[in-house]
Amino acid sequence: MAHQILVAGATGALGREVIQQLSYHNLKVLTRSRERALSLLPDSVQIHEGDALKPESLSGLCDGVDVVISCLGASVGMQDRERRSYLKVDTPANLRLIELAKAAGVQRFVYVSLWIQPGYAQNGYVQAHQQVEAALAQSGLDYSIVRPTGLFSAMLEFLRMAEMGAGMLPGGGSSRSNPVHQADVADVIVGLLDSGASEIGVGGPEVFSRRQILDLAFNALERKPRYVSMPAGVMGAMGSLIGLFDGRTGDLMRFFSQVASVDCIAPRIGKRQLGDYFKQAVADSRSTGERAG
């Protein structure tokens, strides 16, 4: 049965995979840039140009919608120009979506959060997600929270560091994780349109230390690995200082410093492999002349 589905965050790496897998449904997307959406998404997608932080731009957004899928959130890439903290961007944007969905009688709300362990929960990046989760649980909506580990698209930061000649390893790079391809996460989301668990963790098939992920990046570039180690506490302290004038970067540095000391391993649901993803990114970059990371 076809649904009327709203996808927020549709032009991001995960959102595009979700759109691709839901092409047989009636799709609407929320985007801040119609031009970007037109360049990245199928012509059949209905575009609502608006900003989740500007309520006046969201009139009618959820009218007739059966399912809302929120992949909405600021990038975890360090090169992003956004300076506002995640609590000032992700949280209010998603809270507004929840309010609109409830008012419009939406049947299901699927929210993409992250796999959380206690050792790396004391930072603005994680807390922004947790506040949305709490609001969703109290909303009365039928919902599912999808908890991926790091997406492959976020792992391109390792490839970017390798391209620059050396990779930063807070805490020495021994903590482990099983990153997951965004297409594997999209597979899970598609299975939650009608019903599903209130929470589901999604990890990739392979568990790596941070150092091993960096090795994969250097291997894809056919370069000898070079590392720069930094005590995790130093990065956390730097994040607190930087956060005084750049909230987003401060949040990320505190998150990275904490996750560098704790394993982040979710159920192994994904099938795609990170080494293959890096190699394809390098091949694509060489054909276009652009950086892979």
Protein backbone atom coordinates (compact mmCIF):
# COMPACT_ATOMS: atom_id res chain seq x y z
CA MET A 1 0.00 0.00 0.00
CA ALA A 2 1.38 3.38 -0.99
CA HIS A 3 1.79 6.00 1.71
CA GLN A 4 2.04 9.75 1.66
CA ILE A 5 5.47 10.20 3.24
CA LEU A 6 7.28 13.32 4.35
CA VAL A 7 11.07 13.04 4.50
CA ALA A 8 12.92 15.80 6.35
CA GLY A 9 16.63 16.00 5.68
CA ALA A 10 16.10 14.43 2.27
CA THR A 11 19.12 15.98 0.56
CA GLY A 12 21.63 14.52 3.02
CA ALA A 13 23.44 11.23 2.43
CA LEU A 14 20.91 9.16 4.39
CA GLY A 15 17.88 11.10 3.18
CA ARG A 16 18.79 10.50 -0.46
CA GLU A 17 19.02 6.75 0.16
CA VAL A 18 15.61 6.80 1.84
CA ILE A 19 14.08 8.65 -1.09
CA GLN A 20 15.59 6.20 -3.56
CA GLN A 21 14.12 3.21 -1.75
CA LEU A 22 10.67 4.77 -1.35
CA SER A 23 10.13 5.81 -4.96
CA TYR A 24 6.90 3.80 -5.20
CA HIS A 25 5.26 5.96 -2.50
CA ASN A 26 3.94 9.51 -2.72
CA LEU A 27 6.86 11.52 -1.42
CA LYS A 28 7.14 15.02 -0.05
CA VAL A 29 10.38 16.52 1.21
CA LEU A 30 11.18 19.46 3.44
CA THR A 31 14.22 21.35 2.22
CA ARG A 32 15.73 24.77 2.77
CA SER A 33 16.89 24.84 -0.86
CA ARG A 34 14.54 23.95 -3.70
CA GLU A 35 17.45 24.23 -6.13
CA ARG A 36 19.50 21.65 -4.21
CA ALA A 37 16.52 19.30 -3.94
CA LEU A 38 15.82 19.54 -7.67
CA SER A 39 19.44 18.68 -8.44
CA LEU A 40 19.58 15.64 -6.14
CA LEU A 41 16.11 14.12 -5.98
CA PRO A 42 13.73 12.50 -8.50
CA ASP A 43 11.31 14.74 -10.39
CA SER A 44 8.35 12.89 -8.85
CA VAL A 45 9.12 14.19 -5.35
CA GLN A 46 6.94 17.02 -4.06
CA ILE A 47 9.13 19.77 -2.65
CA HIS A 48 8.17 21.96 0.30
CA GLU A 49 10.75 24.71 0.64
CA GLY A 50 10.97 25.81 4.22
CA ASP A 51 13.08 25.95 7.35
CA ALA A 52 12.08 23.87 10.37
CA LEU A 53 13.35 26.71 12.55
CA LYS A 54 10.94 29.15 10.88
CA PRO A 55 7.36 28.07 11.69
CA GLU A 56 5.85 30.48 9.17
CA SER A 57 7.49 28.52 6.34
CA LEU A 58 5.91 25.20 7.35
CA SER A 59 2.22 25.86 6.73
CA GLY A 60 0.52 22.72 5.41
CA LEU A 61 3.71 20.67 5.61
CA CYS A 62 2.11 17.59 7.21
CA ASP A 63 -1.35 17.88 5.64
CA GLY A 64 -2.37 14.49 4.24
CA VAL A 65 0.87 12.86 5.38
CA ASP A 66 0.75 9.30 6.77
CA VAL A 67 4.38 8.89 7.83
CA VAL A 68 7.10 11.39 8.76
CA ILE A 69 10.72 10.29 8.45
CA SER A 70 13.17 12.71 10.05
CA CYS A 71 16.79 12.49 8.97
CA LEU A 72 16.99 16.13 9.91
CA GLY A 73 20.09 17.44 11.60
CA ALA A 74 23.21 19.48 11.14
CA SER A 75 26.19 17.76 9.54
CA VAL A 76 28.82 15.95 11.61
CA GLY A 77 31.49 17.05 9.15
CA MET A 78 34.10 19.33 10.71
CA GLN A 79 34.25 21.42 7.55
CA ASP A 80 30.59 22.47 7.77
CA ARG A 81 30.09 26.22 8.18
CA GLU A 82 27.23 25.98 10.67
CA ARG A 83 28.31 27.45 14.02
CA ARG A 84 25.12 27.10 16.08
CA SER A 85 25.10 24.21 18.54
CA TYR A 86 23.11 21.04 17.87
CA LEU A 87 20.80 21.93 20.76
CA LYS A 88 19.97 25.17 18.95
CA VAL A 89 19.43 23.55 15.53
CA ASP A 90 18.57 19.86 15.66
CA THR A 91 16.38 19.93 18.75
CA PRO A 92 13.98 22.79 17.95
CA ALA A 93 13.74 21.74 14.29
CA ASN A 94 12.68 18.21 15.16
CA LEU A 95 10.41 19.33 18.00
CA ARG A 96 8.54 21.49 15.51
CA LEU A 97 8.15 18.53 13.15
CA ILE A 98 6.72 16.44 15.98
CA GLU A 99 4.21 19.18 16.81
CA LEU A 100 3.11 19.49 13.18
CA ALA A 101 2.82 15.73 12.78
CA LYS A 102 0.67 15.42 15.88
CA ALA A 103 -1.60 18.29 14.84
CA ALA A 104 -2.07 16.81 11.35
CA GLY A 105 -2.92 13.31 12.59
CA VAL A 106 0.17 11.64 11.13
CA GLN A 107 0.11 7.87 11.72
CA ARG A 108 3.84 7.16 12.20
CA PHE A 109 6.99 9.13 12.99
CA VAL A 110 10.41 7.60 12.32
CA TYR A 111 13.30 9.53 13.84
CA VAL A 112 16.95 8.89 13.05
CA SER A 113 19.04 9.36 16.18
CA LEU A 114 22.31 7.58 16.96
CA TRP A 115 23.59 4.56 18.87
CA ILE A 116 24.25 5.86 22.38
CA GLN A 117 26.45 4.46 25.14
CA PRO A 118 26.83 6.13 28.57
CA GLY A 119 30.52 6.88 28.03
CA TYR A 120 29.87 9.42 25.28
CA ALA A 121 26.50 10.90 26.20
CA GLN A 122 27.70 14.04 28.02
CA ASN A 123 27.89 16.44 25.10
CA GLY A 124 25.54 18.66 23.14
CA TYR A 125 25.49 16.44 20.06
CA VAL A 126 24.04 13.44 21.92
CA GLN A 127 21.86 15.52 24.23
CA ALA A 128 20.21 17.22 21.25
CA HIS A 129 19.06 13.80 20.02
CA GLN A 130 17.97 12.71 23.49
CA GLN A 131 15.71 15.73 23.91
CA VAL A 132 13.96 14.92 20.63
CA GLU A 133 13.58 11.27 21.66
CA ALA A 134 11.98 12.28 24.95
CA ALA A 135 9.52 14.59 23.21
CA LEU A 136 8.63 11.89 20.69
CA ALA A 137 8.01 9.35 23.45
CA GLN A 138 5.63 11.80 25.15
CA SER A 139 3.87 12.94 21.97
CA GLY A 140 1.31 10.16 21.71
CA LEU A 141 2.45 9.42 18.15
CA ASP A 142 3.23 5.88 17.01
CA TYR A 143 6.98 6.07 16.51
CA SER A 144 10.29 4.31 15.95
CA ILE A 145 13.74 5.63 16.78
CA VAL A 146 16.51 4.34 14.52
CA ARG A 147 19.95 4.25 16.14
CA PRO A 148 22.79 3.86 13.66
CA THR A 149 26.45 3.93 14.53
CA GLY A 150 28.58 6.26 12.38
CA LEU A 151 27.37 6.42 8.79
CA PHE A 152 29.85 5.62 6.04
CA SER A 153 29.29 9.14 4.72
CA ALA A 154 30.58 10.50 8.05
CA MET A 155 33.60 8.19 7.82
CA LEU A 156 34.71 10.23 4.80
CA GLU A 157 36.31 12.51 7.41
CA PHE A 158 38.95 9.78 7.81
CA LEU A 159 39.51 9.80 4.06
CA ARG A 160 39.82 13.58 4.11
CA MET A 161 42.49 13.37 6.82
CA ALA A 162 44.36 10.70 4.87
CA GLU A 163 44.31 12.93 1.79
CA MET A 164 45.91 15.68 3.87
CA GLY A 165 48.72 13.31 4.83
CA ALA A 166 48.05 12.38 8.47
CA GLY A 167 45.12 11.27 10.57
CA MET A 168 44.19 12.57 14.02
CA LEU A 169 43.54 9.82 16.58
CA PRO A 170 42.14 11.15 19.87
CA GLY A 171 42.90 8.70 22.65
CA GLY A 172 45.21 6.66 20.44
CA GLY A 173 42.52 5.21 18.19
CA SER A 174 41.90 1.95 20.06
CA SER A 175 38.15 2.34 20.65
CA ARG A 176 36.03 0.24 18.32
CA SER A 177 32.88 0.70 16.28
CA ASN A 178 30.98 -0.89 13.40
CA PRO A 179 30.11 1.93 10.98
CA VAL A 180 27.13 1.34 8.72
CA HIS A 181 26.33 2.32 5.14
CA GLN A 182 23.49 4.82 4.87
CA ALA A 183 21.75 2.51 2.38
CA ASP A 184 21.64 -0.22 5.05
CA VAL A 185 20.05 2.25 7.47
CA ALA A 186 17.54 3.23 4.78
CA ASP A 187 16.65 -0.47 4.42
CA VAL A 188 15.72 -0.52 8.10
CA ILE A 189 13.71 2.70 7.85
CA VAL A 190 11.67 1.36 4.93
CA GLY A 191 10.67 -1.60 7.08
CA LEU A 192 9.23 0.71 9.74
CA LEU A 193 6.58 2.51 7.69
CA ASP A 194 3.60 0.62 9.13
CA SER A 195 4.89 -0.64 12.48
CA GLY A 196 8.03 -1.60 14.31
CA ALA A 197 9.98 -1.49 17.54
CA SER A 198 10.13 1.82 19.36
CA GLU A 199 13.94 1.64 19.11
CA ILE A 200 16.27 -0.28 16.80
CA GLY A 201 20.06 -0.22 16.69
CA VAL A 202 21.77 -0.48 13.32
CA GLY A 203 25.45 -1.25 12.88
CA GLY A 204 27.58 -2.49 10.01
CA PRO A 205 28.97 -6.02 9.54
CA GLU A 206 32.57 -5.21 10.53
CA VAL A 207 34.02 -3.93 13.79
CA PHE A 208 37.08 -1.68 13.53
CA SER A 209 39.23 0.36 15.85
CA ARG A 210 39.50 4.03 14.89
CA ARG A 211 43.08 3.36 13.82
CA GLN A 212 41.91 0.54 11.54
CA ILE A 213 39.35 2.85 9.91
CA LEU A 214 42.14 5.31 9.20
CA ASP A 215 44.24 2.45 7.78
CA LEU A 216 41.37 1.63 5.39
CA ALA A 217 41.33 5.26 4.25
CA PHE A 218 45.08 5.32 3.57
CA ASN A 219 44.83 1.95 1.82
CA ALA A 220 42.11 3.27 -0.50
CA LEU A 221 44.44 6.14 -1.41
CA GLU A 222 47.41 3.75 -1.74
CA ARG A 223 49.39 5.76 0.79
CA LYS A 224 51.41 4.82 3.85
CA PRO A 225 49.43 5.52 7.06
CA ARG A 226 50.56 8.40 9.26
CA TYR A 227 48.99 9.17 12.62
CA VAL A 228 48.90 12.07 15.03
CA SER A 229 47.75 11.06 18.51
CA MET A 230 46.11 13.44 20.95
CA PRO A 231 44.93 12.71 24.51
CA ALA A 232 41.14 12.53 24.48
CA GLY A 233 40.97 14.88 27.46
CA VAL A 234 42.92 17.55 25.58
CA MET A 235 40.47 17.42 22.68
CA GLY A 236 37.55 17.65 25.10
CA ALA A 237 39.05 20.70 26.80
CA MET A 238 39.69 22.33 23.44
CA GLY A 239 36.08 21.61 22.50
CA SER A 240 34.82 23.36 25.62
CA LEU A 241 36.89 26.43 24.79
CA ILE A 242 35.95 26.52 21.11
CA GLY A 243 32.31 25.99 22.03
CA LEU A 244 32.23 29.45 23.58
CA PHE A 245 32.20 31.00 20.10
CA ASP A 246 31.46 28.03 17.81
CA GLY A 247 28.86 25.85 19.49
CA ARG A 248 28.66 23.23 16.78
CA THR A 249 32.40 22.54 16.53
CA GLY A 250 32.63 22.51 20.31
CA ASP A 251 29.84 19.91 20.50
CA LEU A 252 31.60 17.73 17.94
CA MET A 253 35.01 17.93 19.60
CA ARG A 254 33.53 16.97 22.97
CA PHE A 255 31.65 14.09 21.31
CA PHE A 256 34.74 12.85 19.47
CA SER A 257 36.86 13.07 22.63
CA GLN A 258 34.34 10.94 24.55
CA VAL A 259 33.63 8.36 21.85
CA ALA A 260 37.41 7.95 21.41
CA SER A 261 37.50 6.20 24.78
CA VAL A 262 34.40 3.98 24.48
CA ASP A 263 33.39 1.20 22.11
CA CYS A 264 30.37 2.03 19.94
CA ILE A 265 29.09 -1.29 18.58
CA ALA A 266 25.46 -1.75 17.52
CA PRO A 267 23.71 -4.91 16.24
CA ARG A 268 25.33 -6.03 12.98
CA ILE A 269 22.47 -5.46 10.58
CA GLY A 270 24.22 -3.78 7.63
CA LYS A 271 25.85 -5.73 4.81
CA ARG A 272 27.99 -3.22 2.92
CA GLN A 273 31.71 -2.90 3.70
CA LEU A 274 33.59 0.28 4.58
CA GLY A 275 36.75 -0.56 2.63
CA ASP A 276 34.74 -0.88 -0.57
CA TYR A 277 33.02 2.43 0.16
CA PHE A 278 36.34 4.23 0.59
CA LYS A 279 37.74 2.74 -2.61
CA GLN A 280 34.66 3.80 -4.57
CA ALA A 281 34.87 7.32 -3.12
CA VAL A 282 38.51 7.55 -4.25
CA ALA A 283 37.66 6.24 -7.73
CA ASP A 284 34.82 8.75 -8.03
CA SER A 285 37.07 11.61 -6.91
CA ARG A 286 39.72 10.74 -9.46
CA SER A 287 37.16 10.74 -12.25
CA THR A 288 35.80 14.15 -11.21
CA GLY A 289 39.01 15.77 -10.00
CA GLU A 290 37.48 16.52 -6.59
CA ARG A 291 38.63 15.45 -3.14
CA ALA A 292 37.29 12.10 -1.94
CA GLY A 293 36.77 13.23 1.64
